């Protein structure tokens, strides 16, 4: 099964994956931009969206790891010409993960106020956070359903249909955001922050329905749950558990970053919300090439084509760094106008522009970390990813954040700590990858 590592072939996977990948941060940025420009309590509303967005992202990233696990298993079986052995796995995985998501809704909804107090939310920000979460959380199972199907398509080396689905969801969300938040005279009353939440939920439902349609119509994989469980379900659960622990570490990073930013004051958490969502946007753009690495590395490992694995890694490093540099240059070119898209509050903009340059300089470093992270996921090396993120969060990010906060660097502390954390994640992955496959590649 031949796999040519060329820019054309990589882009066939990377560009659709890039477009579908940016759907999530665009949904968040849409809420951020529209809520940040409402005509009353804009800063408090923006802060609430940022806090709830961080918590929901944690939930999605913890359970959304099904995409990587399914993609890894399916792609490796595809590379080994044994796809028939795992055709019933996606439906079983979806059943497991959506069941868990419903339990999480039941467990968190009554305690929403207490949860957001842990993020230092209080008074009006806390009230808005509870209102926003009380609606937004019901899109959670639909998001996980869509993510699992995206993982199935990735395993099949197809990023086109996820792209179409993501575009549909993004357009629906943007249109409904304007309609629900600001209202349509004589048709829809303005719903403020609740309108943004409803827009997101409806967009997530639409994406789930589109995902089911394309999977059933364009593949021979069924969504009908059959028993007994597939023999790969044990491997799937082990991957999920490793990724679960890893994602807890990832979200510990985001929790402490958000908590510290909130403690500095309303303008700081609002500025942090804009900056971190732009960071997410850059991360997901770079993730297009990380996704190509994820998809192809599993297939090449299944085929035991180690020389191609090394070739793939070298090619993706060039692509990723190129994209990272391009993002940084674009950001600097429009540096003084980007913040105004999201808010007109001068106190917020002042804090945002103080740290935005750090977000931009991080982009090439993020490229290296995310590309090799994607490749390790594709190869099913979840245990190493788990241990690395635990160490980089516990021994690098958190101590540095507390140290820099001690010197009252405020948002500088948050984003400098994030930069060093990215370096601590990326460099060991490159070293480990070369240790695993460089010698093997010389024998194939």
Protein backbone atom coordinates (compact mmCIF):
# COMPACT_ATOMS: atom_id res chain seq x y z
CA UNK A 1 0.00 0.00 0.00
CA UNK A 2 2.01 2.99 -1.27
CA UNK A 3 2.00 6.31 0.56
CA UNK A 4 3.88 9.15 -1.14
CA UNK A 5 5.07 11.92 1.18
CA UNK A 6 4.54 14.94 -1.06
CA UNK A 7 3.12 18.40 -0.44
CA UNK A 8 0.09 17.59 -2.61
CA UNK A 9 -0.73 14.39 -0.72
CA UNK A 10 -0.09 15.96 2.68
CA UNK A 11 -2.25 18.97 1.83
CA UNK A 12 -5.10 16.71 0.68
CA UNK A 13 -5.30 15.60 4.30
CA UNK A 14 -3.97 18.69 6.09
CA UNK A 15 -6.03 21.46 4.50
CA UNK A 16 -9.46 19.85 5.05
CA UNK A 17 -8.32 18.85 8.56
CA UNK A 18 -7.15 22.42 9.13
CA UNK A 19 -10.53 23.82 8.06
CA UNK A 20 -12.49 21.35 10.18
CA UNK A 21 -10.09 21.79 13.08
CA UNK A 22 -10.53 25.54 13.29
CA UNK A 23 -14.30 25.08 13.63
CA UNK A 24 -14.04 24.69 17.43
CA UNK A 25 -11.96 27.84 18.06
CA UNK A 26 -14.03 29.78 15.52
CA UNK A 27 -17.17 28.85 17.46
CA UNK A 28 -15.51 30.18 20.62
CA UNK A 29 -14.14 33.26 18.87
CA UNK A 30 -17.59 34.00 17.42
CA UNK A 31 -19.08 33.95 20.91
CA UNK A 32 -16.15 36.07 22.14
CA UNK A 33 -16.46 38.71 19.40
CA UNK A 34 -20.24 39.01 19.54
CA UNK A 35 -20.52 38.95 23.33
CA UNK A 36 -17.58 41.35 23.66
CA UNK A 37 -19.50 43.93 21.65
CA UNK A 38 -22.87 43.85 23.43
CA UNK A 39 -24.10 47.22 24.67
CA UNK A 40 -24.09 46.43 28.39
CA UNK A 41 -21.83 44.47 30.78
CA UNK A 42 -19.58 43.51 27.86
CA UNK A 43 -16.44 42.83 29.94
CA UNK A 44 -18.34 40.70 32.48
CA UNK A 45 -20.07 38.79 29.70
CA UNK A 46 -16.76 38.20 27.92
CA UNK A 47 -15.19 36.98 31.14
CA UNK A 48 -18.05 34.51 31.68
CA UNK A 49 -17.73 33.12 28.16
CA UNK A 50 -13.99 32.66 28.75
CA UNK A 51 -14.44 30.85 32.07
CA UNK A 52 -17.21 28.54 30.84
CA UNK A 53 -15.36 27.98 27.57
CA UNK A 54 -12.32 26.80 29.51
CA UNK A 55 -14.39 24.34 31.56
CA UNK A 56 -16.32 22.98 28.58
CA UNK A 57 -13.09 22.67 26.60
CA UNK A 58 -11.74 20.59 29.48
CA UNK A 59 -14.73 18.25 29.26
CA UNK A 60 -14.50 18.00 25.47
CA UNK A 61 -10.76 17.41 25.48
CA UNK A 62 -10.99 14.77 28.19
CA UNK A 63 -13.68 12.70 26.47
CA UNK A 64 -13.02 13.87 22.92
CA UNK A 65 -9.85 11.80 22.89
CA UNK A 66 -12.00 9.10 21.33
CA UNK A 67 -11.14 10.74 18.00
CA UNK A 68 -7.44 9.99 18.39
CA UNK A 69 -8.03 6.47 19.74
CA UNK A 70 -10.48 5.50 16.98
CA UNK A 71 -8.30 7.10 14.30
CA UNK A 72 -5.21 5.26 15.53
CA UNK A 73 -6.90 1.84 15.61
CA UNK A 74 -8.70 2.25 12.28
CA UNK A 75 -5.67 3.66 10.44
CA UNK A 76 -3.33 0.91 11.71
CA UNK A 77 -5.80 -1.77 10.63
CA UNK A 78 -6.15 -0.02 7.27
CA UNK A 79 -2.37 -0.06 6.83
CA UNK A 80 -2.30 -3.76 7.70
CA UNK A 81 -5.23 -4.51 5.31
CA UNK A 82 -7.39 -5.69 8.23
CA UNK A 83 -10.11 -3.02 8.29
CA UNK A 84 -12.97 -5.57 8.49
CA UNK A 85 -11.83 -6.48 12.01
CA UNK A 86 -12.76 -3.05 13.45
CA UNK A 87 -15.86 -1.99 11.51
CA UNK A 88 -18.14 -2.30 14.55
CA UNK A 89 -15.74 -0.46 16.87
CA UNK A 90 -16.85 3.15 16.13
CA UNK A 91 -20.49 2.51 17.09
CA UNK A 92 -19.45 0.85 20.34
CA UNK A 93 -17.06 3.71 21.13
CA UNK A 94 -19.76 6.31 20.46
CA UNK A 95 -22.17 4.44 22.75
CA UNK A 96 -19.64 4.41 25.59
CA UNK A 97 -18.56 8.04 25.30
CA UNK A 98 -22.01 9.61 24.87
CA UNK A 99 -23.31 7.64 27.85
CA UNK A 100 -20.51 9.07 29.98
CA UNK A 101 -21.25 12.59 28.70
CA UNK A 102 -24.87 12.36 29.86
CA UNK A 103 -23.70 11.32 33.33
CA UNK A 104 -21.37 14.33 33.40
CA UNK A 105 -24.23 16.70 32.57
CA UNK A 106 -26.27 15.22 35.43
CA UNK A 107 -23.30 15.50 37.79
CA UNK A 108 -22.16 19.06 36.96
CA UNK A 109 -25.32 21.03 36.19
CA UNK A 110 -26.62 21.29 39.79
CA UNK A 111 -23.17 22.42 40.99
CA UNK A 112 -22.37 24.93 38.24
CA UNK A 113 -22.09 27.86 40.65
CA UNK A 114 -19.60 26.02 42.85
CA UNK A 115 -17.57 24.92 39.85
CA UNK A 116 -17.14 28.44 38.49
CA UNK A 117 -16.32 29.84 41.91
CA UNK A 118 -13.22 27.63 41.66
CA UNK A 119 -12.25 29.81 38.69
CA UNK A 120 -12.57 32.90 40.93
CA UNK A 121 -15.83 33.94 39.26
CA UNK A 122 -18.09 36.06 41.47
CA UNK A 123 -21.08 38.39 41.40
CA UNK A 124 -22.25 39.24 37.86
CA UNK A 125 -19.52 37.15 36.16
CA UNK A 126 -20.62 34.13 38.19
CA UNK A 127 -24.29 34.70 37.33
CA UNK A 128 -23.50 34.95 33.63
CA UNK A 129 -21.27 31.87 33.79
CA UNK A 130 -24.03 29.76 35.34
CA UNK A 131 -26.59 31.00 32.78
CA UNK A 132 -24.27 30.30 29.85
CA UNK A 133 -23.22 26.85 31.07
CA UNK A 134 -26.80 25.82 31.89
CA UNK A 135 -27.59 25.92 28.18
CA UNK A 136 -24.25 25.26 26.50
CA UNK A 137 -23.61 21.95 28.31
CA UNK A 138 -26.51 20.25 26.50
CA UNK A 139 -24.52 20.35 23.29
CA UNK A 140 -21.82 18.22 24.93
CA UNK A 141 -23.08 14.72 23.87
CA UNK A 142 -23.61 15.91 20.29
CA UNK A 143 -20.08 17.30 20.16
CA UNK A 144 -18.60 13.99 21.36
CA UNK A 145 -20.72 12.08 18.83
CA UNK A 146 -19.32 14.27 16.04
CA UNK A 147 -15.74 13.99 17.31
CA UNK A 148 -15.94 10.17 17.33
CA UNK A 149 -17.17 10.12 13.73
CA UNK A 150 -14.41 12.55 12.75
CA UNK A 151 -11.95 10.03 14.23
CA UNK A 152 -13.44 7.27 12.10
CA UNK A 153 -13.06 9.34 8.94
CA UNK A 154 -9.48 10.18 9.89
CA UNK A 155 -8.67 6.52 10.33
CA UNK A 156 -10.02 5.96 6.82
CA UNK A 157 -7.62 8.69 5.56
CA UNK A 158 -10.53 11.02 4.82
CA UNK A 159 -10.63 14.60 6.12
CA UNK A 160 -12.95 15.97 3.43
CA UNK A 161 -16.31 15.08 5.00
CA UNK A 162 -15.31 16.35 8.47
CA UNK A 163 -14.39 19.62 6.75
CA UNK A 164 -17.85 19.89 5.14
CA UNK A 165 -19.54 19.12 8.45
CA UNK A 166 -17.41 21.67 10.31
CA UNK A 167 -18.15 24.40 7.76
CA UNK A 168 -21.90 23.76 8.07
CA UNK A 169 -21.72 23.90 11.87
CA UNK A 170 -19.64 27.08 11.89
CA UNK A 171 -21.96 28.90 9.50
CA UNK A 172 -25.02 27.86 11.51
CA UNK A 173 -23.37 29.03 14.73
CA UNK A 174 -22.34 32.43 13.37
CA UNK A 175 -25.77 33.17 11.87
CA UNK A 176 -27.59 32.12 15.04
CA UNK A 177 -25.14 34.03 17.24
CA UNK A 178 -26.07 37.31 15.58
CA UNK A 179 -29.78 36.44 15.55
CA UNK A 180 -30.02 35.27 19.17
CA UNK A 181 -27.59 37.62 20.92
CA UNK A 182 -28.65 40.88 19.24
CA UNK A 183 -32.12 39.76 18.20
CA UNK A 184 -34.09 40.32 15.00
CA UNK A 185 -36.67 43.05 15.31
CA UNK A 186 -40.17 41.62 15.32
CA UNK A 187 -38.92 38.02 15.10
CA UNK A 188 -36.40 37.18 17.85
CA UNK A 189 -35.90 39.09 21.10
CA UNK A 190 -32.27 39.76 22.12
CA UNK A 191 -31.09 37.00 24.46
CA UNK A 192 -27.61 38.36 25.29
CA UNK A 193 -25.27 35.67 26.64
CA UNK A 194 -27.99 32.98 26.66
CA UNK A 195 -28.42 33.53 22.92
CA UNK A 196 -24.77 32.69 22.31
CA UNK A 197 -25.19 29.46 24.26
CA UNK A 198 -28.31 28.43 22.31
CA UNK A 199 -26.54 29.18 19.02
CA UNK A 200 -23.68 26.86 19.97
CA UNK A 201 -25.99 24.04 21.06
CA UNK A 202 -28.05 24.13 17.85
CA UNK A 203 -24.87 24.21 15.74
CA UNK A 204 -23.56 21.14 17.61
CA UNK A 205 -26.82 19.25 16.98
CA UNK A 206 -26.67 20.11 13.27
CA UNK A 207 -23.06 18.87 13.07
CA UNK A 208 -23.98 15.59 14.78
CA UNK A 209 -26.82 14.95 12.32
CA UNK A 210 -24.55 15.75 9.35
CA UNK A 211 -21.84 13.45 10.75
CA UNK A 212 -24.24 10.53 11.01
CA UNK A 213 -25.51 11.17 7.48
CA UNK A 214 -22.06 11.23 5.85
CA UNK A 215 -20.76 8.21 7.76
CA UNK A 216 -23.78 6.09 6.78
CA UNK A 217 -23.90 7.31 3.18
CA UNK A 218 -20.19 7.47 2.32
CA UNK A 219 -18.75 4.47 4.19
CA UNK A 220 -19.81 0.92 4.97
CA UNK A 221 -19.37 1.49 8.71
CA UNK A 222 -22.61 1.20 10.67
CA UNK A 223 -23.77 3.16 13.70
CA UNK A 224 -25.78 0.16 14.91
CA UNK A 225 -24.40 -1.08 18.23
CA UNK A 226 -23.58 -4.80 18.21
CA UNK A 227 -22.29 -7.11 20.91
CA UNK A 228 -20.04 -8.66 22.03
CA UNK A 229 -17.53 -5.83 22.13
CA UNK A 230 -14.85 -5.73 19.45
CA UNK A 231 -11.54 -7.33 20.47
CA UNK A 232 -9.90 -3.89 20.07
CA UNK A 233 -12.19 -2.32 22.65
CA UNK A 234 -9.68 -3.10 25.41
CA UNK A 235 -6.92 -1.32 23.49
CA UNK A 236 -9.34 1.53 22.83
CA UNK A 237 -10.18 1.89 26.55
CA UNK A 238 -6.48 1.78 27.54
CA UNK A 239 -5.75 4.54 25.01
CA UNK A 240 -8.68 6.56 26.32
CA UNK A 241 -7.56 6.18 29.94
CA UNK A 242 -4.02 7.28 29.10
CA UNK A 243 -5.35 10.21 27.10
CA UNK A 244 -7.82 10.95 29.91
CA UNK A 245 -4.99 11.36 32.42
CA UNK A 246 -2.97 13.32 29.86
CA UNK A 247 -5.88 15.65 29.20
CA UNK A 248 -6.43 16.21 32.91
CA UNK A 249 -2.84 17.49 32.98
CA UNK A 250 -3.54 19.64 29.93
CA UNK A 251 -6.60 21.12 31.56
CA UNK A 252 -4.78 21.64 34.83
CA UNK A 253 -2.61 23.99 32.80
CA UNK A 254 -5.64 25.83 31.41
CA UNK A 255 -7.34 25.85 34.82
CA UNK A 256 -4.39 27.51 36.55
CA UNK A 257 -3.93 29.93 33.63
CA UNK A 258 -7.61 30.94 33.75
CA UNK A 259 -7.73 31.06 37.54
CA UNK A 260 -4.70 33.34 37.79
CA UNK A 261 -5.97 35.59 34.97
CA UNK A 262 -9.36 35.89 36.71
CA UNK A 263 -7.74 36.81 40.02
CA UNK A 264 -6.03 39.82 38.43
CA UNK A 265 -9.35 41.52 37.63
CA UNK A 266 -12.12 41.75 35.03
CA UNK A 267 -10.01 43.43 32.34
CA UNK A 268 -7.31 40.78 32.72
CA UNK A 269 -9.60 37.75 32.37
CA UNK A 270 -11.35 39.44 29.43
CA UNK A 271 -7.97 40.10 27.74
CA UNK A 272 -6.86 36.54 28.53
CA UNK A 273 -10.08 35.20 26.97
CA UNK A 274 -9.30 36.96 23.68
CA UNK A 275 -5.63 35.96 23.72
CA UNK A 276 -6.17 32.31 24.62
CA UNK A 277 -8.89 31.89 22.00
CA UNK A 278 -6.55 33.32 19.36
CA UNK A 279 -3.92 30.91 20.64
CA UNK A 280 -6.42 28.07 20.22
CA UNK A 281 -7.13 29.28 16.68
CA UNK A 282 -3.43 29.17 15.82
CA UNK A 283 -3.09 25.78 17.47
CA UNK A 284 -5.95 24.31 15.45
CA UNK A 285 -4.60 25.78 12.20
CA UNK A 286 -1.25 24.11 12.86
CA UNK A 287 -3.21 21.00 13.87
CA UNK A 288 -4.16 20.54 10.21
CA UNK A 289 -0.63 19.26 9.57
CA UNK A 290 -0.56 17.48 12.92
CA UNK A 291 -3.71 15.69 11.76
CA UNK A 292 -1.99 14.62 8.55
CA UNK A 293 0.79 13.20 10.71
CA UNK A 294 -1.77 11.50 12.95
CA UNK A 295 -3.56 9.91 10.00
CA UNK A 296 -0.51 8.79 8.01
CA UNK A 297 1.68 7.70 10.92
CA UNK A 298 -0.88 5.11 12.04
CA UNK A 299 -1.18 3.74 8.52
CA UNK A 300 2.61 3.63 8.02
CA UNK A 301 3.16 1.97 11.40
CA UNK A 302 0.51 -0.62 10.54
CA UNK A 303 2.36 -1.29 7.29
CA UNK A 304 5.74 -1.29 9.18
CA UNK A 305 7.08 1.29 6.75
CA UNK A 306 9.54 3.00 9.12
CA UNK A 307 11.57 4.83 6.48
CA UNK A 308 8.40 6.59 5.35
CA UNK A 309 7.65 7.48 8.97
CA UNK A 310 10.97 9.32 9.25
CA UNK A 311 10.38 10.99 5.88
CA UNK A 312 6.92 12.04 7.04
CA UNK A 313 8.24 13.56 10.26
CA UNK A 314 10.88 15.62 8.47
CA UNK A 315 8.42 16.88 5.90
CA UNK A 316 5.81 17.82 8.49
CA UNK A 317 8.36 19.73 10.58
CA UNK A 318 9.00 21.99 7.58
CA UNK A 319 5.27 22.42 6.92
CA UNK A 320 4.42 23.09 10.54
CA UNK A 321 7.17 25.60 11.20
CA UNK A 322 6.28 27.35 7.93
CA UNK A 323 2.65 27.67 8.99
CA UNK A 324 3.69 28.80 12.48
CA UNK A 325 5.95 31.54 11.11
CA UNK A 326 3.23 32.65 8.68
CA UNK A 327 0.72 32.92 11.54
CA UNK A 328 3.16 34.97 13.60
CA UNK A 329 3.91 37.34 10.71
CA UNK A 330 0.19 37.77 9.96
CA UNK A 331 -0.49 38.55 13.60
CA UNK A 332 2.24 41.18 13.76
CA UNK A 333 1.06 42.82 10.53
CA UNK A 334 -2.43 43.33 11.98
CA UNK A 335 -1.30 43.62 15.59
CA UNK A 336 -3.04 46.89 16.44
CA UNK A 337 -6.40 46.03 14.90
CA UNK A 338 -7.04 42.41 15.97
CA UNK A 339 -8.14 43.19 19.52
CA UNK A 340 -10.74 45.69 18.34
CA UNK A 341 -12.62 42.88 16.62
CA UNK A 342 -13.45 41.36 19.99
CA UNK A 343 -14.04 44.31 22.28
CA UNK A 344 -14.07 48.10 22.43
CA UNK A 345 -13.19 48.20 26.13
CA UNK A 346 -9.90 50.11 26.30
CA UNK A 347 -8.86 48.62 29.64
CA UNK A 348 -9.22 45.13 28.15
CA UNK A 349 -7.39 46.05 24.94
CA UNK A 350 -4.49 47.54 26.89
CA UNK A 351 -3.88 44.26 28.72
CA UNK A 352 -4.41 42.19 25.58
CA UNK A 353 -1.82 44.04 23.51
CA UNK A 354 0.75 43.71 26.29
CA UNK A 355 0.85 39.91 25.86
CA UNK A 356 -0.37 39.19 22.33
CA UNK A 357 3.19 39.24 20.98
CA UNK A 358 4.02 36.23 23.18
CA UNK A 359 1.09 34.31 21.65
CA UNK A 360 2.45 35.07 18.17
CA UNK A 361 6.04 34.06 18.94
CA UNK A 362 4.79 30.76 20.36
CA UNK A 363 3.34 29.62 17.04
CA UNK A 364 6.43 27.94 15.48
CA UNK A 365 7.14 26.22 18.82
CA UNK A 366 3.55 25.03 18.95
CA UNK A 367 3.99 23.59 15.46
CA UNK A 368 6.76 21.24 16.57
CA UNK A 369 4.92 20.12 19.70
CA UNK A 370 1.55 19.58 18.00
CA UNK A 371 2.89 17.75 14.94
CA UNK A 372 4.79 15.18 16.96
CA UNK A 373 1.92 14.96 19.43
CA UNK A 374 -0.33 14.07 16.49
CA UNK A 375 2.09 11.45 15.17
CA UNK A 376 2.41 9.77 18.56
CA UNK A 377 -1.38 9.63 18.84
CA UNK A 378 -1.63 8.11 15.37
CA UNK A 379 0.84 5.41 16.37
CA UNK A 380 -1.04 4.71 19.59
CA UNK A 381 1.84 5.82 21.86
CA UNK A 382 -0.55 7.27 24.41
CA UNK A 383 1.38 6.23 27.54
CA UNK A 384 4.42 8.30 26.60
CA UNK A 385 2.20 11.29 25.78
CA UNK A 386 0.52 10.90 29.17
CA UNK A 387 3.76 10.83 31.14
CA UNK A 388 5.28 13.72 29.20
CA UNK A 389 2.34 16.05 29.77
CA UNK A 390 2.14 15.15 33.46
CA UNK A 391 5.81 16.10 33.85
CA UNK A 392 5.68 19.24 31.72
CA UNK A 393 2.61 20.51 33.57
CA UNK A 394 3.60 19.51 37.11
CA UNK A 395 7.32 20.25 36.94
CA UNK A 396 7.44 23.07 34.38
CA UNK A 397 4.24 25.07 33.86
CA UNK A 398 2.82 25.26 37.39
CA UNK A 399 6.12 26.08 39.19
CA UNK A 400 7.03 28.72 36.59
CA UNK A 401 3.56 30.28 36.75
CA UNK A 402 3.69 30.56 40.55
CA UNK A 403 7.23 31.95 40.40
CA UNK A 404 6.41 34.62 37.82
CA UNK A 405 3.16 35.47 39.61
CA UNK A 406 5.19 36.05 42.76
CA UNK A 407 6.99 38.81 40.86
CA UNK A 408 3.56 40.26 39.90
CA UNK A 409 3.98 39.78 36.15
CA UNK A 410 0.25 39.01 35.82
CA UNK A 411 -0.65 38.04 32.22
CA UNK A 412 3.03 37.99 31.31
CA UNK A 413 3.40 35.21 33.89
CA UNK A 414 0.60 33.19 32.30
CA UNK A 415 1.82 33.37 28.72
CA UNK A 416 5.54 33.02 29.44
CA UNK A 417 4.75 29.89 31.46
CA UNK A 418 2.66 28.57 28.55
CA UNK A 419 5.56 29.15 26.14
CA UNK A 420 8.04 27.22 28.27
CA UNK A 421 5.42 24.49 28.74
CA UNK A 422 5.11 24.10 24.96
CA UNK A 423 8.89 23.71 24.64
CA UNK A 424 8.89 21.10 27.42
CA UNK A 425 6.21 19.17 25.51
CA UNK A 426 7.79 19.34 22.06
CA UNK A 427 11.50 18.64 22.46
CA UNK A 428 11.17 15.23 24.23
CA UNK A 429 8.73 14.04 21.54
CA UNK A 430 11.26 14.72 18.79
CA UNK A 431 14.02 12.94 20.73
CA UNK A 432 11.82 9.92 21.53
CA UNK A 433 10.58 9.61 17.94
CA UNK A 434 14.12 9.47 16.58
CA UNK A 435 15.11 6.91 19.22
CA UNK A 436 12.19 4.68 18.24
CA UNK A 437 12.35 4.80 14.45
CA UNK A 438 15.64 6.14 13.12
CA UNK A 439 17.45 2.81 13.36
CA UNK A 440 14.39 0.86 12.17
CA UNK A 441 14.07 3.15 9.13
CA UNK A 442 17.53 2.19 7.95
CA UNK A 443 16.44 -1.45 7.72
CA UNK A 444 13.35 -0.79 5.51
